Amino acid sequence: MNQLFIKIRGVVAIIIMIIAAYQIVSGIGMWLVNRGTIDAPGMAMFFYRTHQPMGFVFLFIALAHLTLNRKILISDLKILRGKK
């Protein structure tokens, strides 16, 4: 397989991990602000303004990830169904 293709797949996977970590942290932050546990208006506004757009970026990157790894995904699905 082309080395550039493999590097692109690696970069996409790392971006997915970073965005997923941010989504988890911002989601927990918004939850704590809504409960009244944390009184940090600046942090709350930052999370509320960035959580949804980062979710859409995550969606598009995940679609790119599935596209780049479709052969592996199809192979795994065939194994799960018991076909060779």
PDB file of N, CA and C in Angstrom:
ATOM      1  N   MET A   1       0.847  -1.179   0.000  1.00  0.00           N
ATOM      2  CA  MET A   1       0.000   0.000   0.000  1.00  0.00           C
ATOM      3  C   MET A   1       0.889   1.239   0.000  1.00  0.00           C
ATOM      4  N   ASN A   2       0.409   2.273  -0.589  1.00  0.00           N
ATOM      5  CA  ASN A   2       1.159   3.519  -0.695  1.00  0.00           C
ATOM      6  C   ASN A   2       1.442   4.102   0.697  1.00  0.00           C
ATOM      7  N   GLN A   3       2.684   4.480   0.942  1.00  0.00           N
ATOM      8  CA  GLN A   3       3.074   5.018   2.256  1.00  0.00           C
ATOM      9  C   GLN A   3       2.339   6.316   2.587  1.00  0.00           C
ATOM     10  N   LEU A   4       2.098   7.157   1.582  1.00  0.00           N
ATOM     11  CA  LEU A   4       1.367   8.404   1.814  1.00  0.00           C
ATOM     12  C   LEU A   4      -0.055   8.114   2.278  1.00  0.00           C
ATOM     13  N   PHE A   5      -0.692   7.127   1.669  1.00  0.00           N
ATOM     14  CA  PHE A   5      -2.052   6.737   2.040  1.00  0.00           C
ATOM     15  C   PHE A   5      -2.098   6.264   3.483  1.00  0.00           C
ATOM     16  N   ILE A   6      -1.115   5.479   3.873  1.00  0.00           N
ATOM     17  CA  ILE A   6      -1.053   4.987   5.248  1.00  0.00           C
ATOM     18  C   ILE A   6      -0.843   6.146   6.226  1.00  0.00           C
ATOM     19  N   LYS A   7       0.001   7.116   5.864  1.00  0.00           N
ATOM     20  CA  LYS A   7       0.223   8.282   6.730  1.00  0.00           C
ATOM     21  C   LYS A   7      -1.045   9.119   6.859  1.00  0.00           C
ATOM     22  N   ILE A   8      -1.793   9.277   5.766  1.00  0.00           N
ATOM     23  CA  ILE A   8      -3.047  10.041   5.814  1.00  0.00           C
ATOM     24  C   ILE A   8      -4.035   9.347   6.746  1.00  0.00           C
ATOM     25  N   ARG A   9      -4.124   8.020   6.654  1.00  0.00           N
ATOM     26  CA  ARG A   9      -5.019   7.282   7.548  1.00  0.00           C
ATOM     27  C   ARG A   9      -4.621   7.481   9.001  1.00  0.00           C
ATOM     28  N   GLY A  10      -3.328   7.500   9.275  1.00  0.00           N
ATOM     29  CA  GLY A  10      -2.858   7.724  10.639  1.00  0.00           C
ATOM     30  C   GLY A  10      -3.199   9.111  11.153  1.00  0.00           C
ATOM     31  N   VAL A  11      -3.011  10.117  10.307  1.00  0.00           N
ATOM     32  CA  VAL A  11      -3.332  11.492  10.694  1.00  0.00           C
ATOM     33  C   VAL A  11      -4.823  11.630  10.971  1.00  0.00           C
ATOM     34  N   VAL A  12      -5.657  11.034  10.121  1.00  0.00           N
ATOM     35  CA  VAL A  12      -7.111  11.099  10.322  1.00  0.00           C
ATOM     36  C   VAL A  12      -7.490  10.429  11.638  1.00  0.00           C
ATOM     37  N   ALA A  13      -6.887   9.299  11.954  1.00  0.00           N
ATOM     38  CA  ALA A  13      -7.180   8.604  13.208  1.00  0.00           C
ATOM     39  C   ALA A  13      -6.776   9.453  14.420  1.00  0.00           C
ATOM     40  N   ILE A  14      -5.636  10.113  14.338  1.00  0.00           N
ATOM     41  CA  ILE A  14      -5.194  10.976  15.443  1.00  0.00           C
ATOM     42  C   ILE A  14      -6.134  12.165  15.604  1.00  0.00           C
ATOM     43  N   ILE A  15      -6.566  12.760  14.500  1.00  0.00           N
ATOM     44  CA  ILE A  15      -7.513  13.882  14.575  1.00  0.00           C
ATOM     45  C   ILE A  15      -8.817  13.431  15.222  1.00  0.00           C
ATOM     46  N   ILE A  16      -9.282  12.233  14.892  1.00  0.00           N
ATOM     47  CA  ILE A  16     -10.505  11.708  15.501  1.00  0.00           C
ATOM     48  C   ILE A  16     -10.327  11.574  17.016  1.00  0.00           C
ATOM     49  N   MET A  17      -9.195  11.055  17.450  1.00  0.00           N
ATOM     50  CA  MET A  17      -8.964  10.905  18.891  1.00  0.00           C
ATOM     51  C   MET A  17      -8.935  12.261  19.589  1.00  0.00           C
ATOM     52  N   ILE A  18      -8.300  13.254  18.981  1.00  0.00           N
ATOM     53  CA  ILE A  18      -8.214  14.587  19.594  1.00  0.00           C
ATOM     54  C   ILE A  18      -9.594  15.214  19.696  1.00  0.00           C
ATOM     55  N   ILE A  19     -10.366  15.144  18.614  1.00  0.00           N
ATOM     56  CA  ILE A  19     -11.700  15.756  18.627  1.00  0.00           C
ATOM     57  C   ILE A  19     -12.608  15.015  19.602  1.00  0.00           C
ATOM     58  N   ALA A  20     -12.508  13.693  19.656  1.00  0.00           N
ATOM     59  CA  ALA A  20     -13.335  12.933  20.604  1.00  0.00           C
ATOM     60  C   ALA A  20     -13.004  13.327  22.043  1.00  0.00           C
ATOM     61  N   ALA A  21     -11.732  13.494  22.351  1.00  0.00           N
ATOM     62  CA  ALA A  21     -11.344  13.918  23.698  1.00  0.00           C
ATOM     63  C   ALA A  21     -11.903  15.305  24.007  1.00  0.00           C
ATOM     64  N   TYR A  22     -11.827  16.225  23.028  1.00  0.00           N
ATOM     65  CA  TYR A  22     -12.376  17.564  23.243  1.00  0.00           C
ATOM     66  C   TYR A  22     -13.887  17.497  23.459  1.00  0.00           C
ATOM     67  N   GLN A  23     -14.579  16.674  22.663  1.00  0.00           N
ATOM     68  CA  GLN A  23     -16.031  16.573  22.797  1.00  0.00           C
ATOM     69  C   GLN A  23     -16.404  16.048  24.187  1.00  0.00           C
ATOM     70  N   ILE A  24     -15.648  15.101  24.688  1.00  0.00           N
ATOM     71  CA  ILE A  24     -15.921  14.562  26.020  1.00  0.00           C
ATOM     72  C   ILE A  24     -15.698  15.634  27.083  1.00  0.00           C
ATOM     73  N   VAL A  25     -14.587  16.335  26.993  1.00  0.00           N
ATOM     74  CA  VAL A  25     -14.282  17.379  27.991  1.00  0.00           C
ATOM     75  C   VAL A  25     -15.302  18.507  27.928  1.00  0.00           C
ATOM     76  N   SER A  26     -15.646  18.963  26.727  1.00  0.00           N
ATOM     77  CA  SER A  26     -16.600  20.069  26.620  1.00  0.00           C
ATOM     78  C   SER A  26     -17.996  19.630  27.040  1.00  0.00           C
ATOM     79  N   GLY A  27     -18.360  18.392  26.747  1.00  0.00           N
ATOM     80  CA  GLY A  27     -19.663  17.885  27.182  1.00  0.00           C
ATOM     81  C   GLY A  27     -19.764  17.810  28.692  1.00  0.00           C
ATOM     82  N   ILE A  28     -18.707  17.327  29.333  1.00  0.00           N
ATOM     83  CA  ILE A  28     -18.689  17.283  30.798  1.00  0.00           C
ATOM     84  C   ILE A  28     -18.715  18.697  31.366  1.00  0.00           C
ATOM     85  N   GLY A  29     -17.968  19.613  30.737  1.00  0.00           N
ATOM     86  CA  GLY A  29     -17.972  21.004  31.193  1.00  0.00           C
ATOM     87  C   GLY A  29     -19.346  21.637  31.097  1.00  0.00           C
ATOM     88  N   MET A  30     -20.038  21.408  29.984  1.00  0.00           N
ATOM     89  CA  MET A  30     -21.394  21.969  29.844  1.00  0.00           C
ATOM     90  C   MET A  30     -22.349  21.350  30.854  1.00  0.00           C
ATOM     91  N   TRP A  31     -22.201  20.057  31.110  1.00  0.00           N
ATOM     92  CA  TRP A  31     -23.047  19.388  32.081  1.00  0.00           C
ATOM     93  C   TRP A  31     -22.832  19.964  33.486  1.00  0.00           C
ATOM     94  N   LEU A  32     -21.551  20.192  33.844  1.00  0.00           N
ATOM     95  CA  LEU A  32     -21.258  20.753  35.169  1.00  0.00           C
ATOM     96  C   LEU A  32     -21.764  22.181  35.310  1.00  0.00           C
ATOM     97  N   VAL A  33     -21.680  22.946  34.225  1.00  0.00           N
ATOM     98  CA  VAL A  33     -22.190  24.320  34.262  1.00  0.00           C
ATOM     99  C   VAL A  33     -23.703  24.304  34.427  1.00  0.00           C
ATOM    100  N   ASN A  34     -24.393  23.402  33.704  1.00  0.00           N
ATOM    101  CA  ASN A  34     -25.854  23.325  33.813  1.00  0.00           C
ATOM    102  C   ASN A  34     -26.305  22.892  35.202  1.00  0.00           C
ATOM    103  N   ARG A  35     -25.518  22.038  35.849  1.00  0.00           N
ATOM    104  CA  ARG A  35     -25.862  21.603  37.202  1.00  0.00           C
ATOM    105  C   ARG A  35     -25.589  22.684  38.229  1.00  0.00           C
ATOM    106  N   GLY A  36     -24.805  23.680  37.866  1.00  0.00           N
ATOM    107  CA  GLY A  36     -24.455  24.727  38.810  1.00  0.00           C
ATOM    108  C   GLY A  36     -23.230  24.401  39.629  1.00  0.00           C
ATOM    109  N   THR A  37     -22.558  23.320  39.297  1.00  0.00           N
ATOM    110  CA  THR A  37     -21.367  22.911  40.030  1.00  0.00           C
ATOM    111  C   THR A  37     -20.220  23.873  39.795  1.00  0.00           C
ATOM    112  N   ILE A  38     -20.113  24.363  38.560  1.00  0.00           N
ATOM    113  CA  ILE A  38     -19.044  25.289  38.193  1.00  0.00           C
ATOM    114  C   ILE A  38     -19.668  26.612  37.789  1.00  0.00           C
ATOM    115  N   ASP A  39     -19.108  27.686  38.300  1.00  0.00           N
ATOM    116  CA  ASP A  39     -19.585  29.018  37.938  1.00  0.00           C
ATOM    117  C   ASP A  39     -18.477  29.728  37.185  1.00  0.00           C
ATOM    118  N   ALA A  40     -18.343  29.379  35.920  1.00  0.00           N
ATOM    119  CA  ALA A  40     -17.314  29.972  35.073  1.00  0.00           C
ATOM    120  C   ALA A  40     -17.957  30.379  33.751  1.00  0.00           C
ATOM    121  N   PRO A  41     -18.476  31.612  33.680  1.00  0.00           N
ATOM    122  CA  PRO A  41     -19.192  32.024  32.467  1.00  0.00           C
ATOM    123  C   PRO A  41     -18.320  31.992  31.206  1.00  0.00           C
ATOM    124  N   GLY A  42     -17.054  32.335  31.330  1.00  0.00           N
ATOM    125  CA  GLY A  42     -16.176  32.319  30.163  1.00  0.00           C
ATOM    126  C   GLY A  42     -15.995  30.921  29.608  1.00  0.00           C
ATOM    127  N   MET A  43     -15.759  29.966  30.499  1.00  0.00           N
ATOM    128  CA  MET A  43     -15.599  28.579  30.082  1.00  0.00           C
ATOM    129  C   MET A  43     -16.896  28.044  29.496  1.00  0.00           C
ATOM    130  N   ALA A  44     -18.017  28.387  30.117  1.00  0.00           N
ATOM    131  CA  ALA A  44     -19.306  27.911  29.621  1.00  0.00           C
ATOM    132  C   ALA A  44     -19.580  28.428  28.207  1.00  0.00           C
ATOM    133  N   MET A  45     -19.335  29.712  27.973  1.00  0.00           N
ATOM    134  CA  MET A  45     -19.572  30.274  26.644  1.00  0.00           C
ATOM    135  C   MET A  45     -18.648  29.640  25.611  1.00  0.00           C
ATOM    136  N   PHE A  46     -17.400  29.389  25.987  1.00  0.00           N
ATOM    137  CA  PHE A  46     -16.465  28.750  25.063  1.00  0.00           C
ATOM    138  C   PHE A  46     -16.956  27.363  24.673  1.00  0.00           C
ATOM    139  N   PHE A  47     -17.369  26.574  25.673  1.00  0.00           N
ATOM    140  CA  PHE A  47     -17.844  25.226  25.380  1.00  0.00           C
ATOM    141  C   PHE A  47     -19.133  25.254  24.561  1.00  0.00           C
ATOM    142  N   TYR A  48     -20.061  26.139  24.920  1.00  0.00           N
ATOM    143  CA  TYR A  48     -21.325  26.201  24.196  1.00  0.00           C
ATOM    144  C   TYR A  48     -21.136  26.672  22.754  1.00  0.00           C
ATOM    145  N   ARG A  49     -20.154  27.504  22.507  1.00  0.00           N
ATOM    146  CA  ARG A  49     -19.908  27.990  21.145  1.00  0.00           C
ATOM    147  C   ARG A  49     -19.106  27.014  20.302  1.00  0.00           C
ATOM    148  N   THR A  50     -18.314  26.145  20.907  1.00  0.00           N
ATOM    149  CA  THR A  50     -17.430  25.281  20.129  1.00  0.00           C
ATOM    150  C   THR A  50     -17.857  23.816  20.092  1.00  0.00           C
ATOM    151  N   HIS A  51     -18.705  23.380  20.999  1.00  0.00           N
ATOM    152  CA  HIS A  51     -19.058  21.960  21.067  1.00  0.00           C
ATOM    153  C   HIS A  51     -19.774  21.488  19.797  1.00  0.00           C
ATOM    154  N   GLN A  52     -20.775  22.220  19.352  1.00  0.00           N
ATOM    155  CA  GLN A  52     -21.533  21.793  18.180  1.00  0.00           C
ATOM    156  C   GLN A  52     -20.726  21.860  16.878  1.00  0.00           C
ATOM    157  N   PRO A  53     -20.011  22.955  16.601  1.00  0.00           N
ATOM    158  CA  PRO A  53     -19.199  22.940  15.368  1.00  0.00           C
ATOM    159  C   PRO A  53     -18.137  21.841  15.363  1.00  0.00           C
ATOM    160  N   MET A  54     -17.535  21.559  16.506  1.00  0.00           N
ATOM    161  CA  MET A  54     -16.555  20.478  16.569  1.00  0.00           C
ATOM    162  C   MET A  54     -17.229  19.126  16.350  1.00  0.00           C
ATOM    163  N   GLY A  55     -18.483  19.012  16.742  1.00  0.00           N
ATOM    164  CA  GLY A  55     -19.233  17.790  16.473  1.00  0.00           C
ATOM    165  C   GLY A  55     -19.414  17.566  14.976  1.00  0.00           C
ATOM    166  N   PHE A  56     -19.692  18.640  14.243  1.00  0.00           N
ATOM    167  CA  PHE A  56     -19.818  18.519  12.789  1.00  0.00           C
ATOM    168  C   PHE A  56     -18.475  18.195  12.136  1.00  0.00           C
ATOM    169  N   VAL A  57     -17.404  18.792  12.635  1.00  0.00           N
ATOM    170  CA  VAL A  57     -16.064  18.458  12.123  1.00  0.00           C
ATOM    171  C   VAL A  57     -15.784  16.987  12.391  1.00  0.00           C
ATOM    172  N   PHE A  58     -16.154  16.528  13.582  1.00  0.00           N
ATOM    173  CA  PHE A  58     -15.978  15.120  13.931  1.00  0.00           C
ATOM    174  C   PHE A  58     -16.744  14.223  12.967  1.00  0.00           C
ATOM    175  N   LEU A  59     -17.958  14.608  12.614  1.00  0.00           N
ATOM    176  CA  LEU A  59     -18.763  13.833  11.673  1.00  0.00           C
ATOM    177  C   LEU A  59     -18.068  13.696  10.324  1.00  0.00           C
ATOM    178  N   PHE A  60     -17.575  14.796   9.790  1.00  0.00           N
ATOM    179  CA  PHE A  60     -16.929  14.766   8.477  1.00  0.00           C
ATOM    180  C   PHE A  60     -15.609  13.997   8.508  1.00  0.00           C
ATOM    181  N   ILE A  61     -14.860  14.147   9.584  1.00  0.00           N
ATOM    182  CA  ILE A  61     -13.602  13.399   9.710  1.00  0.00           C
ATOM    183  C   ILE A  61     -13.898  11.904   9.862  1.00  0.00           C
ATOM    184  N   ALA A  62     -14.952  11.561  10.597  1.00  0.00           N
ATOM    185  CA  ALA A  62     -15.315  10.152  10.749  1.00  0.00           C
ATOM    186  C   ALA A  62     -15.744   9.554   9.405  1.00  0.00           C
ATOM    187  N   LEU A  63     -16.471  10.316   8.600  1.00  0.00           N
ATOM    188  CA  LEU A  63     -16.835   9.840   7.267  1.00  0.00           C
ATOM    189  C   LEU A  63     -15.596   9.634   6.397  1.00  0.00           C
ATOM    190  N   ALA A  64     -14.638  10.537   6.502  1.00  0.00           N
ATOM    191  CA  ALA A  64     -13.388  10.377   5.762  1.00  0.00           C
ATOM    192  C   ALA A  64     -12.651   9.130   6.247  1.00  0.00           C
ATOM    193  N   HIS A  65     -12.666   8.891   7.551  1.00  0.00           N
ATOM    194  CA  HIS A  65     -12.020   7.722   8.133  1.00  0.00           C
ATOM    195  C   HIS A  65     -12.654   6.430   7.602  1.00  0.00           C
ATOM    196  N   LEU A  66     -13.988   6.395   7.560  1.00  0.00           N
ATOM    197  CA  LEU A  66     -14.666   5.218   7.033  1.00  0.00           C
ATOM    198  C   LEU A  66     -14.362   5.011   5.553  1.00  0.00           C
ATOM    199  N   THR A  67     -14.276   6.098   4.809  1.00  0.00           N
ATOM    200  CA  THR A  67     -13.961   6.003   3.392  1.00  0.00           C
ATOM    201  C   THR A  67     -12.544   5.478   3.182  1.00  0.00           C
ATOM    202  N   LEU A  68     -11.605   5.986   3.938  1.00  0.00           N
ATOM    203  CA  LEU A  68     -10.216   5.552   3.797  1.00  0.00           C
ATOM    204  C   LEU A  68     -10.004   4.096   4.224  1.00  0.00           C
ATOM    205  N   ASN A  69     -10.824   3.619   5.136  1.00  0.00           N
ATOM    206  CA  ASN A  69     -10.662   2.275   5.678  1.00  0.00           C
ATOM    207  C   ASN A  69     -11.780   1.334   5.244  1.00  0.00           C
ATOM    208  N   ARG A  70     -12.404   1.585   4.108  1.00  0.00           N
ATOM    209  CA  ARG A  70     -13.562   0.785   3.697  1.00  0.00           C
ATOM    210  C   ARG A  70     -13.196  -0.677   3.431  1.00  0.00           C
ATOM    211  N   LYS A  71     -12.016  -0.942   2.890  1.00  0.00           N
ATOM    212  CA  LYS A  71     -11.635  -2.337   2.625  1.00  0.00           C
ATOM    213  C   LYS A  71     -11.494  -3.120   3.928  1.00  0.00           C
ATOM    214  N   ILE A  72     -10.896  -2.494   4.924  1.00  0.00           N
ATOM    215  CA  ILE A  72     -10.749  -3.143   6.226  1.00  0.00           C
ATOM    216  C   ILE A  72     -12.115  -3.360   6.862  1.00  0.00           C
ATOM    217  N   LEU A  73     -12.997  -2.369   6.763  1.00  0.00           N
ATOM    218  CA  LEU A  73     -14.338  -2.461   7.330  1.00  0.00           C
ATOM    219  C   LEU A  73     -15.136  -3.576   6.656  1.00  0.00           C
ATOM    220  N   ILE A  74     -15.098  -3.644   5.340  1.00  0.00           N
ATOM    221  CA  ILE A  74     -15.834  -4.677   4.617  1.00  0.00           C
ATOM    222  C   ILE A  74     -15.295  -6.064   4.976  1.00  0.00           C
ATOM    223  N   SER A  75     -13.980  -6.172   5.085  1.00  0.00           N
ATOM    224  CA  SER A  75     -13.372  -7.446   5.477  1.00  0.00           C
ATOM    225  C   SER A  75     -13.828  -7.865   6.869  1.00  0.00           C
ATOM    226  N   ASP A  76     -13.849  -6.935   7.797  1.00  0.00           N
ATOM    227  CA  ASP A  76     -14.297  -7.241   9.159  1.00  0.00           C
ATOM    228  C   ASP A  76     -15.767  -7.635   9.186  1.00  0.00           C
ATOM    229  N   LEU A  77     -16.589  -6.954   8.405  1.00  0.00           N
ATOM    230  CA  LEU A  77     -18.018  -7.292   8.364  1.00  0.00           C
ATOM    231  C   LEU A  77     -18.242  -8.677   7.775  1.00  0.00           C
ATOM    232  N   LYS A  78     -17.471  -9.049   6.770  1.00  0.00           N
ATOM    233  CA  LYS A  78     -17.589 -10.392   6.191  1.00  0.00           C
ATOM    234  C   LYS A  78     -17.197 -11.445   7.220  1.00  0.00           C
ATOM    235  N   ILE A  79     -16.167 -11.197   7.992  1.00  0.00           N
ATOM    236  CA  ILE A  79     -15.755 -12.152   9.020  1.00  0.00           C
ATOM    237  C   ILE A  79     -16.835 -12.283  10.080  1.00  0.00           C
ATOM    238  N   LEU A  80     -17.456 -11.163  10.454  1.00  0.00           N
ATOM    239  CA  LEU A  80     -18.526 -11.203  11.461  1.00  0.00           C
ATOM    240  C   LEU A  80     -19.731 -11.997  10.968  1.00  0.00           C
ATOM    241  N   ARG A  81     -20.017 -11.914   9.681  1.00  0.00           N
ATOM    242  CA  ARG A  81     -21.152 -12.639   9.115  1.00  0.00           C
ATOM    243  C   ARG A  81     -20.817 -14.097   8.814  1.00  0.00           C
ATOM    244  N   GLY A  82     -19.547 -14.466   8.913  1.00  0.00           N
ATOM    245  CA  GLY A  82     -19.128 -15.837   8.697  1.00  0.00           C
ATOM    246  C   GLY A  82     -18.847 -16.174   7.247  1.00  0.00           C
ATOM    247  N   LYS A  83     -18.715 -15.151   6.391  1.00  0.00           N
ATOM    248  CA  LYS A  83     -18.395 -15.380   4.981  1.00  0.00           C
ATOM    249  C   LYS A  83     -16.913 -15.138   4.759  1.00  0.00           C
ATOM    250  N   LYS A  84     -16.379 -15.789   3.745  1.00  0.00           N
ATOM    251  CA  LYS A  84     -14.962 -15.583   3.424  1.00  0.00           C
ATOM    252  C   LYS A  84     -14.803 -14.920   2.101  1.00  0.00           C
TER     253      LYS A  84
END
